[in-house]
Full PDB file with SEQRES, HELIX, SHEET, SSBOND, CRYST1, ORIGX, SCALE, CONECT and MASTER records, all heavy atoms in Angstrom:
SEQRES   1 A   31  ALA GLY VAL GLN PRO LYS ILE PRO GLU ILE ASN LEU GLU          
SEQRES   2 A   31  GLU ALA ILE ARG LEU PRO ILE GLN GLU TRP LYS PHE HIS          
SEQRES   3 A   31  ILE ARG ASN ASP PHE                                          
HELIX    1 AA1 LEU A   12  ALA A   15  1                                   4    
HELIX    2 AA2 ILE A   20  GLU A   22  5                                   3    
HELIX    3 AA3 TRP A   23  HIS A   26  1                                   4    
CRYST1    1.000    1.000    1.000  90.00  90.00  90.00 P 1           1          
ORIGX1      1.000000  0.000000  0.000000        0.00000                         
ORIGX2      0.000000  1.000000  0.000000        0.00000                         
ORIGX3      0.000000  0.000000  1.000000        0.00000                         
SCALE1      1.000000  0.000000  0.000000        0.00000                         
SCALE2      0.000000  1.000000  0.000000        0.00000                         
SCALE3      0.000000  0.000000  1.000000        0.00000                         
ATOM      1  N   ALA A   1      -9.702 -14.193  -7.899  1.00  0.00           N  
ATOM      2  CA  ALA A   1     -10.183 -14.141  -9.252  1.00  0.00           C  
ATOM      3  C   ALA A   1     -10.395 -12.697  -9.714  1.00  0.00           C  
ATOM      4  O   ALA A   1     -10.365 -12.469 -10.898  1.00  0.00           O  
ATOM      5  CB  ALA A   1     -11.526 -14.929  -9.296  1.00  0.00           C  
ATOM      6  N   GLY A   2     -10.496 -11.790  -8.743  1.00  0.00           N  
ATOM      7  CA  GLY A   2     -10.651 -10.388  -9.101  1.00  0.00           C  
ATOM      8  C   GLY A   2      -9.546  -9.381  -9.019  1.00  0.00           C  
ATOM      9  O   GLY A   2      -9.688  -8.275  -9.007  1.00  0.00           O  
ATOM     10  N   VAL A   3      -8.338 -10.011  -8.751  1.00  0.00           N  
ATOM     11  CA  VAL A   3      -7.074  -9.207  -8.530  1.00  0.00           C  
ATOM     12  C   VAL A   3      -6.121  -9.508  -9.664  1.00  0.00           C  
ATOM     13  O   VAL A   3      -5.984 -10.550 -10.106  1.00  0.00           O  
ATOM     14  CB  VAL A   3      -6.488  -9.376  -7.180  1.00  0.00           C  
ATOM     15  CG1 VAL A   3      -5.953 -10.801  -7.136  1.00  0.00           C  
ATOM     16  CG2 VAL A   3      -5.476  -8.337  -6.815  1.00  0.00           C  
ATOM     17  N   GLN A   4      -5.448  -8.393 -10.088  1.00  0.00           N  
ATOM     18  CA  GLN A   4      -4.416  -8.561 -11.093  1.00  0.00           C  
ATOM     19  C   GLN A   4      -3.071  -8.339 -10.396  1.00  0.00           C  
ATOM     20  O   GLN A   4      -2.764  -7.193 -10.028  1.00  0.00           O  
ATOM     21  CB  GLN A   4      -4.655  -7.497 -12.201  1.00  0.00           C  
ATOM     22  CG  GLN A   4      -3.637  -7.596 -13.321  1.00  0.00           C  
ATOM     23  CD  GLN A   4      -3.656  -8.924 -14.065  1.00  0.00           C  
ATOM     24  OE1 GLN A   4      -4.781  -9.344 -14.460  1.00  0.00           O  
ATOM     25  NE2 GLN A   4      -2.586  -9.573 -14.389  1.00  0.00           N  
ATOM     26  N   PRO A   5      -2.313  -9.345 -10.249  1.00  0.00           N  
ATOM     27  CA  PRO A   5      -0.933  -9.180  -9.596  1.00  0.00           C  
ATOM     28  C   PRO A   5      -0.078  -8.163 -10.342  1.00  0.00           C  
ATOM     29  O   PRO A   5      -0.118  -7.984 -11.574  1.00  0.00           O  
ATOM     30  CB  PRO A   5      -0.296 -10.574  -9.629  1.00  0.00           C  
ATOM     31  CG  PRO A   5      -1.438 -11.563  -9.898  1.00  0.00           C  
ATOM     32  CD  PRO A   5      -2.520 -10.713 -10.642  1.00  0.00           C  
ATOM     33  N   LYS A   6       0.642  -7.328  -9.621  1.00  0.00           N  
ATOM     34  CA  LYS A   6       1.551  -6.287 -10.190  1.00  0.00           C  
ATOM     35  C   LYS A   6       2.604  -5.939  -9.208  1.00  0.00           C  
ATOM     36  O   LYS A   6       2.437  -6.135  -8.027  1.00  0.00           O  
ATOM     37  CB  LYS A   6       0.698  -5.070 -10.593  1.00  0.00           C  
ATOM     38  CG  LYS A   6       0.021  -4.473  -9.434  1.00  0.00           C  
ATOM     39  CD  LYS A   6      -0.879  -3.179  -9.943  1.00  0.00           C  
ATOM     40  CE  LYS A   6      -1.515  -2.498  -8.794  1.00  0.00           C  
ATOM     41  NZ  LYS A   6      -2.571  -3.350  -8.100  1.00  0.00           N  
ATOM     42  N   ILE A   7       3.682  -5.375  -9.779  1.00  0.00           N  
ATOM     43  CA  ILE A   7       4.771  -4.883  -8.840  1.00  0.00           C  
ATOM     44  C   ILE A   7       4.312  -3.567  -8.162  1.00  0.00           C  
ATOM     45  O   ILE A   7       3.818  -2.761  -8.826  1.00  0.00           O  
ATOM     46  CB  ILE A   7       6.005  -4.666  -9.765  1.00  0.00           C  
ATOM     47  CG1 ILE A   7       6.534  -5.829 -10.457  1.00  0.00           C  
ATOM     48  CG2 ILE A   7       7.199  -4.011  -8.864  1.00  0.00           C  
ATOM     49  CD1 ILE A   7       6.897  -6.985  -9.567  1.00  0.00           C  
ATOM     50  N   PRO A   8       4.415  -3.474  -6.885  1.00  0.00           N  
ATOM     51  CA  PRO A   8       3.837  -2.425  -6.150  1.00  0.00           C  
ATOM     52  C   PRO A   8       4.667  -1.100  -6.393  1.00  0.00           C  
ATOM     53  O   PRO A   8       5.873  -1.137  -6.597  1.00  0.00           O  
ATOM     54  CB  PRO A   8       3.882  -2.797  -4.669  1.00  0.00           C  
ATOM     55  CG  PRO A   8       4.998  -3.818  -4.703  1.00  0.00           C  
ATOM     56  CD  PRO A   8       4.976  -4.594  -5.970  1.00  0.00           C  
ATOM     57  N   GLU A   9       3.974   0.007  -6.517  1.00  0.00           N  
ATOM     58  CA  GLU A   9       4.653   1.335  -6.630  1.00  0.00           C  
ATOM     59  C   GLU A   9       5.085   1.807  -5.278  1.00  0.00           C  
ATOM     60  O   GLU A   9       5.947   2.702  -5.160  1.00  0.00           O  
ATOM     61  CB  GLU A   9       3.654   2.260  -7.275  1.00  0.00           C  
ATOM     62  CG  GLU A   9       3.230   1.830  -8.719  1.00  0.00           C  
ATOM     63  CD  GLU A   9       2.195   2.876  -9.171  1.00  0.00           C  
ATOM     64  OE1 GLU A   9       1.833   3.867  -8.503  1.00  0.00           O  
ATOM     65  OE2 GLU A   9       1.663   2.667 -10.344  1.00  0.00           O  
ATOM     66  N   ILE A  10       4.518   1.318  -4.237  1.00  0.00           N  
ATOM     67  CA  ILE A  10       4.809   1.836  -2.808  1.00  0.00           C  
ATOM     68  C   ILE A  10       5.496   0.752  -2.104  1.00  0.00           C  
ATOM     69  O   ILE A  10       5.198  -0.391  -2.152  1.00  0.00           O  
ATOM     70  CB  ILE A  10       3.555   2.289  -2.079  1.00  0.00           C  
ATOM     71  CG1 ILE A  10       2.796   3.350  -2.810  1.00  0.00           C  
ATOM     72  CG2 ILE A  10       3.859   2.600  -0.710  1.00  0.00           C  
ATOM     73  CD1 ILE A  10       3.478   4.580  -2.791  1.00  0.00           C  
ATOM     74  N   ASN A  11       6.583   1.183  -1.423  1.00  0.00           N  
ATOM     75  CA  ASN A  11       7.303   0.238  -0.511  1.00  0.00           C  
ATOM     76  C   ASN A  11       6.521   0.102   0.791  1.00  0.00           C  
ATOM     77  O   ASN A  11       6.567   1.083   1.603  1.00  0.00           O  
ATOM     78  CB  ASN A  11       8.716   0.652  -0.305  1.00  0.00           C  
ATOM     79  CG  ASN A  11       9.578  -0.251   0.599  1.00  0.00           C  
ATOM     80  OD1 ASN A  11       9.036  -0.806   1.536  1.00  0.00           O  
ATOM     81  ND2 ASN A  11      10.776  -0.432   0.169  1.00  0.00           N  
ATOM     82  N   LEU A  12       5.734  -0.932   0.974  1.00  0.00           N  
ATOM     83  CA  LEU A  12       4.902  -1.054   2.142  1.00  0.00           C  
ATOM     84  C   LEU A  12       5.684  -1.044   3.444  1.00  0.00           C  
ATOM     85  O   LEU A  12       5.183  -0.421   4.441  1.00  0.00           O  
ATOM     86  CB  LEU A  12       3.995  -2.358   2.037  1.00  0.00           C  
ATOM     87  CG  LEU A  12       3.032  -2.703   3.166  1.00  0.00           C  
ATOM     88  CD1 LEU A  12       2.143  -1.474   3.405  1.00  0.00           C  
ATOM     89  CD2 LEU A  12       2.220  -3.986   2.985  1.00  0.00           C  
ATOM     90  N   GLU A  13       6.871  -1.683   3.444  1.00  0.00           N  
ATOM     91  CA  GLU A  13       7.604  -1.675   4.696  1.00  0.00           C  
ATOM     92  C   GLU A  13       8.026  -0.316   5.176  1.00  0.00           C  
ATOM     93  O   GLU A  13       8.255  -0.001   6.352  1.00  0.00           O  
ATOM     94  CB  GLU A  13       8.898  -2.611   4.477  1.00  0.00           C  
ATOM     95  CG  GLU A  13       9.661  -2.925   5.785  1.00  0.00           C  
ATOM     96  CD  GLU A  13      10.858  -3.830   5.523  1.00  0.00           C  
ATOM     97  OE1 GLU A  13      11.006  -4.220   4.393  1.00  0.00           O  
ATOM     98  OE2 GLU A  13      11.459  -4.226   6.542  1.00  0.00           O  
ATOM     99  N   GLU A  14       8.183   0.562   4.180  1.00  0.00           N  
ATOM    100  CA  GLU A  14       8.542   1.993   4.483  1.00  0.00           C  
ATOM    101  C   GLU A  14       7.259   2.699   4.815  1.00  0.00           C  
ATOM    102  O   GLU A  14       7.273   3.585   5.772  1.00  0.00           O  
ATOM    103  CB  GLU A  14       9.235   2.679   3.385  1.00  0.00           C  
ATOM    104  CG  GLU A  14      10.737   2.067   3.185  1.00  0.00           C  
ATOM    105  CD  GLU A  14      11.439   2.709   1.871  1.00  0.00           C  
ATOM    106  OE1 GLU A  14      10.843   3.684   1.354  1.00  0.00           O  
ATOM    107  OE2 GLU A  14      12.551   2.335   1.575  1.00  0.00           O  
ATOM    108  N   ALA A  15       6.211   2.521   4.073  1.00  0.00           N  
ATOM    109  CA  ALA A  15       4.996   3.319   4.226  1.00  0.00           C  
ATOM    110  C   ALA A  15       4.399   3.080   5.695  1.00  0.00           C  
ATOM    111  O   ALA A  15       3.824   4.017   6.146  1.00  0.00           O  
ATOM    112  CB  ALA A  15       3.929   2.877   3.146  1.00  0.00           C  
ATOM    113  N   ILE A  16       4.570   1.788   6.134  1.00  0.00           N  
ATOM    114  CA  ILE A  16       3.859   1.542   7.446  1.00  0.00           C  
ATOM    115  C   ILE A  16       4.566   2.390   8.610  1.00  0.00           C  
ATOM    116  O   ILE A  16       3.997   2.516   9.681  1.00  0.00           O  
ATOM    117  CB  ILE A  16       4.000   0.064   7.800  1.00  0.00           C  
ATOM    118  CG1 ILE A  16       2.938  -0.331   8.898  1.00  0.00           C  
ATOM    119  CG2 ILE A  16       5.372  -0.351   8.178  1.00  0.00           C  
ATOM    120  CD1 ILE A  16       1.584  -0.169   8.489  1.00  0.00           C  
ATOM    121  N   ARG A  17       5.747   2.903   8.372  1.00  0.00           N  
ATOM    122  CA  ARG A  17       6.409   3.689   9.400  1.00  0.00           C  
ATOM    123  C   ARG A  17       6.101   5.176   9.211  1.00  0.00           C  
ATOM    124  O   ARG A  17       6.494   5.963  10.046  1.00  0.00           O  
ATOM    125  CB  ARG A  17       8.000   3.545   9.106  1.00  0.00           C  
ATOM    126  CG  ARG A  17       8.482   2.082   9.188  1.00  0.00           C  
ATOM    127  CD  ARG A  17       9.932   1.967   9.090  1.00  0.00           C  
ATOM    128  NE  ARG A  17      10.314   0.606   8.770  1.00  0.00           N  
ATOM    129  CZ  ARG A  17      10.393  -0.398   9.668  1.00  0.00           C  
ATOM    130  NH1 ARG A  17      10.038  -0.038  11.033  1.00  0.00           N  
ATOM    131  NH2 ARG A  17      10.764  -1.626   9.355  1.00  0.00           N  
ATOM    132  N   LEU A  18       5.300   5.614   8.196  1.00  0.00           N  
ATOM    133  CA  LEU A  18       4.726   6.991   8.135  1.00  0.00           C  
ATOM    134  C   LEU A  18       3.771   7.246   9.346  1.00  0.00           C  
ATOM    135  O   LEU A  18       3.110   6.231   9.911  1.00  0.00           O  
ATOM    136  CB  LEU A  18       4.021   7.091   6.783  1.00  0.00           C  
ATOM    137  CG  LEU A  18       4.868   7.162   5.614  1.00  0.00           C  
ATOM    138  CD1 LEU A  18       4.029   7.049   4.341  1.00  0.00           C  
ATOM    139  CD2 LEU A  18       5.887   8.336   5.506  1.00  0.00           C  
ATOM    140  N   PRO A  19       3.478   8.468   9.672  1.00  0.00           N  
ATOM    141  CA  PRO A  19       2.435   8.783  10.584  1.00  0.00           C  
ATOM    142  C   PRO A  19       1.163   8.243  10.085  1.00  0.00           C  
ATOM    143  O   PRO A  19       0.817   8.145   8.919  1.00  0.00           O  
ATOM    144  CB  PRO A  19       2.368  10.391  10.544  1.00  0.00           C  
ATOM    145  CG  PRO A  19       3.735  10.767  10.125  1.00  0.00           C  
ATOM    146  CD  PRO A  19       4.208   9.736   9.130  1.00  0.00           C  
ATOM    147  N   ILE A  20       0.377   7.618  11.049  1.00  0.00           N  
ATOM    148  CA  ILE A  20      -0.883   6.873  10.760  1.00  0.00           C  
ATOM    149  C   ILE A  20      -1.894   7.732   9.877  1.00  0.00           C  
ATOM    150  O   ILE A  20      -2.594   7.156   9.021  1.00  0.00           O  
ATOM    151  CB  ILE A  20      -1.515   6.377  11.945  1.00  0.00           C  
ATOM    152  CG1 ILE A  20      -2.683   5.345  11.564  1.00  0.00           C  
ATOM    153  CG2 ILE A  20      -2.006   7.516  12.871  1.00  0.00           C  
ATOM    154  CD1 ILE A  20      -3.216   4.675  12.758  1.00  0.00           C  
ATOM    155  N   GLN A  21      -1.870   9.077  10.061  1.00  0.00           N  
ATOM    156  CA  GLN A  21      -2.736   9.875   9.255  1.00  0.00           C  
ATOM    157  C   GLN A  21      -2.367   9.850   7.828  1.00  0.00           C  
ATOM    158  O   GLN A  21      -3.177  10.334   7.016  1.00  0.00           O  
ATOM    159  CB  GLN A  21      -2.833  11.288   9.839  1.00  0.00           C  
ATOM    160  CG  GLN A  21      -1.647  12.033   9.942  1.00  0.00           C  
ATOM    161  CD  GLN A  21      -0.872  11.887  11.237  1.00  0.00           C  
ATOM    162  OE1 GLN A  21      -1.059  10.760  11.966  1.00  0.00           O  
ATOM    163  NE2 GLN A  21      -0.161  12.963  11.705  1.00  0.00           N  
ATOM    164  N   GLU A  22      -1.231   9.476   7.434  1.00  0.00           N  
ATOM    165  CA  GLU A  22      -0.826   9.389   6.045  1.00  0.00           C  
ATOM    166  C   GLU A  22      -0.998   8.120   5.389  1.00  0.00           C  
ATOM    167  O   GLU A  22      -0.801   7.928   4.152  1.00  0.00           O  
ATOM    168  CB  GLU A  22       0.740   9.800   5.936  1.00  0.00           C  
ATOM    169  CG  GLU A  22       0.963  11.273   6.413  1.00  0.00           C  
ATOM    170  CD  GLU A  22       2.498  11.688   6.141  1.00  0.00           C  
ATOM    171  OE1 GLU A  22       3.071  11.110   5.164  1.00  0.00           O  
ATOM    172  OE2 GLU A  22       2.862  12.560   6.841  1.00  0.00           O  
ATOM    173  N   TRP A  23      -1.343   7.015   6.133  1.00  0.00           N  
ATOM    174  CA  TRP A  23      -1.485   5.798   5.597  1.00  0.00           C  
ATOM    175  C   TRP A  23      -2.465   5.716   4.463  1.00  0.00           C  
ATOM    176  O   TRP A  23      -2.318   5.046   3.490  1.00  0.00           O  
ATOM    177  CB  TRP A  23      -1.907   4.735   6.664  1.00  0.00           C  
ATOM    178  CG  TRP A  23      -0.858   4.351   7.596  1.00  0.00           C  
ATOM    179  CD1 TRP A  23       0.422   4.784   7.686  1.00  0.00           C  
ATOM    180  CD2 TRP A  23      -0.985   3.401   8.692  1.00  0.00           C  
ATOM    181  NE1 TRP A  23       1.140   4.234   8.771  1.00  0.00           N  
ATOM    182  CE2 TRP A  23       0.204   3.425   9.423  1.00  0.00           C  
ATOM    183  CE3 TRP A  23      -2.039   2.716   9.212  1.00  0.00           C  
ATOM    184  CZ2 TRP A  23       0.510   2.600  10.504  1.00  0.00           C  
ATOM    185  CZ3 TRP A  23      -1.734   1.831  10.296  1.00  0.00           C  
ATOM    186  CH2 TRP A  23      -0.554   1.830  11.030  1.00  0.00           C  
ATOM    187  N   LYS A  24      -3.639   6.415   4.584  1.00  0.00           N  
ATOM    188  CA  LYS A  24      -4.680   6.282   3.529  1.00  0.00           C  
ATOM    189  C   LYS A  24      -4.222   6.773   2.232  1.00  0.00           C  
ATOM    190  O   LYS A  24      -4.804   6.435   1.246  1.00  0.00           O  
ATOM    191  CB  LYS A  24      -5.860   7.034   4.062  1.00  0.00           C  
ATOM    192  CG  LYS A  24      -5.706   8.517   4.181  1.00  0.00           C  
ATOM    193  CD  LYS A  24      -7.021   9.255   4.711  1.00  0.00           C  
ATOM    194  CE  LYS A  24      -6.837  10.753   4.929  1.00  0.00           C  
ATOM    195  NZ  LYS A  24      -8.190  11.329   5.452  1.00  0.00           N  
ATOM    196  N   PHE A  25      -3.154   7.493   2.150  1.00  0.00           N  
ATOM    197  CA  PHE A  25      -2.578   8.053   0.802  1.00  0.00           C  
ATOM    198  C   PHE A  25      -1.591   6.975   0.222  1.00  0.00           C  
ATOM    199  O   PHE A  25      -1.253   7.165  -0.938  1.00  0.00           O  
ATOM    200  CB  PHE A  25      -1.870   9.392   1.096  1.00  0.00           C  
ATOM    201  CG  PHE A  25      -2.802  10.436   1.548  1.00  0.00           C  
ATOM    202  CD1 PHE A  25      -2.553  10.926   2.877  1.00  0.00           C  
ATOM    203  CD2 PHE A  25      -3.962  10.858   1.049  1.00  0.00           C  
ATOM    204  CE1 PHE A  25      -3.364  11.928   3.426  1.00  0.00           C  
ATOM    205  CE2 PHE A  25      -4.818  11.795   1.576  1.00  0.00           C  
ATOM    206  CZ  PHE A  25      -4.468  12.444   2.687  1.00  0.00           C  
ATOM    207  N   HIS A  26      -1.005   6.058   1.056  1.00  0.00           N  
ATOM    208  CA  HIS A  26      -0.016   5.302   0.543  1.00  0.00           C  
ATOM    209  C   HIS A  26      -0.278   3.754   0.734  1.00  0.00           C  
ATOM    210  O   HIS A  26       0.339   2.976  -0.036  1.00  0.00           O  
ATOM    211  CB  HIS A  26       1.268   5.636   1.351  1.00  0.00           C  
ATOM    212  CG  HIS A  26       1.689   7.093   1.236  1.00  0.00           C  
ATOM    213  ND1 HIS A  26       2.243   7.514   0.102  1.00  0.00           N  
ATOM    214  CD2 HIS A  26       1.539   8.120   2.159  1.00  0.00           C  
ATOM    215  CE1 HIS A  26       2.583   8.842   0.319  1.00  0.00           C  
ATOM    216  NE2 HIS A  26       2.157   9.192   1.438  1.00  0.00           N  
ATOM    217  N   ILE A  27      -1.091   3.380   1.595  1.00  0.00           N  
ATOM    218  CA  ILE A  27      -1.309   1.934   1.954  1.00  0.00           C  
ATOM    219  C   ILE A  27      -2.687   1.409   1.504  1.00  0.00           C  
ATOM    220  O   ILE A  27      -3.734   1.984   1.961  1.00  0.00           O  
ATOM    221  CB  ILE A  27      -1.086   1.686   3.522  1.00  0.00           C  
ATOM    222  CG1 ILE A  27       0.372   2.101   3.827  1.00  0.00           C  
ATOM    223  CG2 ILE A  27      -1.396   0.121   3.736  1.00  0.00           C  
ATOM    224  CD1 ILE A  27       0.602   1.937   5.324  1.00  0.00           C  
ATOM    225  N   ARG A  28      -2.669   0.431   0.705  1.00  0.00           N  
ATOM    226  CA  ARG A  28      -3.987  -0.054   0.191  1.00  0.00           C  
ATOM    227  C   ARG A  28      -3.950  -1.578   0.174  1.00  0.00           C  
ATOM    228  O   ARG A  28      -2.824  -2.204   0.019  1.00  0.00           O  
ATOM    229  CB  ARG A  28      -4.256   0.509  -1.220  1.00  0.00           C  
ATOM    230  CG  ARG A  28      -3.274   0.096  -2.292  1.00  0.00           C  
ATOM    231  CD  ARG A  28      -3.602   0.801  -3.589  1.00  0.00           C  
ATOM    232  NE  ARG A  28      -4.948   0.716  -4.018  1.00  0.00           N  
ATOM    233  CZ  ARG A  28      -5.473  -0.321  -4.803  1.00  0.00           C  
ATOM    234  NH1 ARG A  28      -4.676  -1.215  -5.182  1.00  0.00           N  
ATOM    235  NH2 ARG A  28      -6.739  -0.325  -5.097  1.00  0.00           N  
ATOM    236  N   ASN A  29      -5.150  -2.173   0.047  1.00  0.00           N  
ATOM    237  CA  ASN A  29      -5.374  -3.594  -0.090  1.00  0.00           C  
ATOM    238  C   ASN A  29      -5.675  -3.793  -1.595  1.00  0.00           C  
ATOM    239  O   ASN A  29      -6.747  -3.435  -2.037  1.00  0.00           O  
ATOM    240  CB  ASN A  29      -6.528  -4.058   0.796  1.00  0.00           C  
ATOM    241  CG  ASN A  29      -6.684  -5.508   0.762  1.00  0.00           C  
ATOM    242  OD1 ASN A  29      -6.387  -6.169  -0.218  1.00  0.00           O  
ATOM    243  ND2 ASN A  29      -7.232  -6.034   1.805  1.00  0.00           N  
ATOM    244  N   ASP A  30      -4.849  -4.592  -2.313  1.00  0.00           N  
ATOM    245  CA  ASP A  30      -5.077  -4.761  -3.724  1.00  0.00           C  
ATOM    246  C   ASP A  30      -6.372  -5.629  -4.040  1.00  0.00           C  
ATOM    247  O   ASP A  30      -6.811  -5.435  -5.162  1.00  0.00           O  
ATOM    248  CB  ASP A  30      -3.886  -5.601  -4.328  1.00  0.00           C  
ATOM    249  CG  ASP A  30      -2.703  -4.650  -4.595  1.00  0.00           C  
ATOM    250  OD1 ASP A  30      -2.755  -3.399  -4.363  1.00  0.00           O  
ATOM    251  OD2 ASP A  30      -1.542  -5.278  -4.755  1.00  0.00           O  
ATOM    252  N   PHE A  31      -6.874  -6.239  -3.044  1.00  0.00           N  
ATOM    253  CA  PHE A  31      -8.190  -7.020  -3.272  1.00  0.00           C  
ATOM    254  C   PHE A  31      -9.375  -6.071  -3.341  1.00  0.00           C  
ATOM    255  O   PHE A  31     -10.418  -6.512  -3.892  1.00  0.00           O  
ATOM    256  CB  PHE A  31      -8.385  -8.030  -2.158  1.00  0.00           C  
ATOM    257  CG  PHE A  31      -7.489  -9.233  -2.252  1.00  0.00           C  
ATOM    258  CD1 PHE A  31      -6.618  -9.552  -1.212  1.00  0.00           C  
ATOM    259  CD2 PHE A  31      -7.638 -10.081  -3.202  1.00  0.00           C  
ATOM    260  CE1 PHE A  31      -5.792 -10.649  -1.297  1.00  0.00           C  
ATOM    261  CE2 PHE A  31      -6.833 -11.263  -3.342  1.00  0.00           C  
ATOM    262  CZ  PHE A  31      -5.875 -11.524  -2.301  1.00  0.00           C  
TER     263      PHE A  31                                                      
MASTER        0    0    0    3    0    0    0    6  262    1    0    3          
END                                                                             
């Protein structure tokens, strides 16, 4: 009820392959 669906700006499948210290800049939970 509190989330607005949207097309993601970040490709999560690619972002997860980044060094873990970069995740906080690219990977988020829309909820």
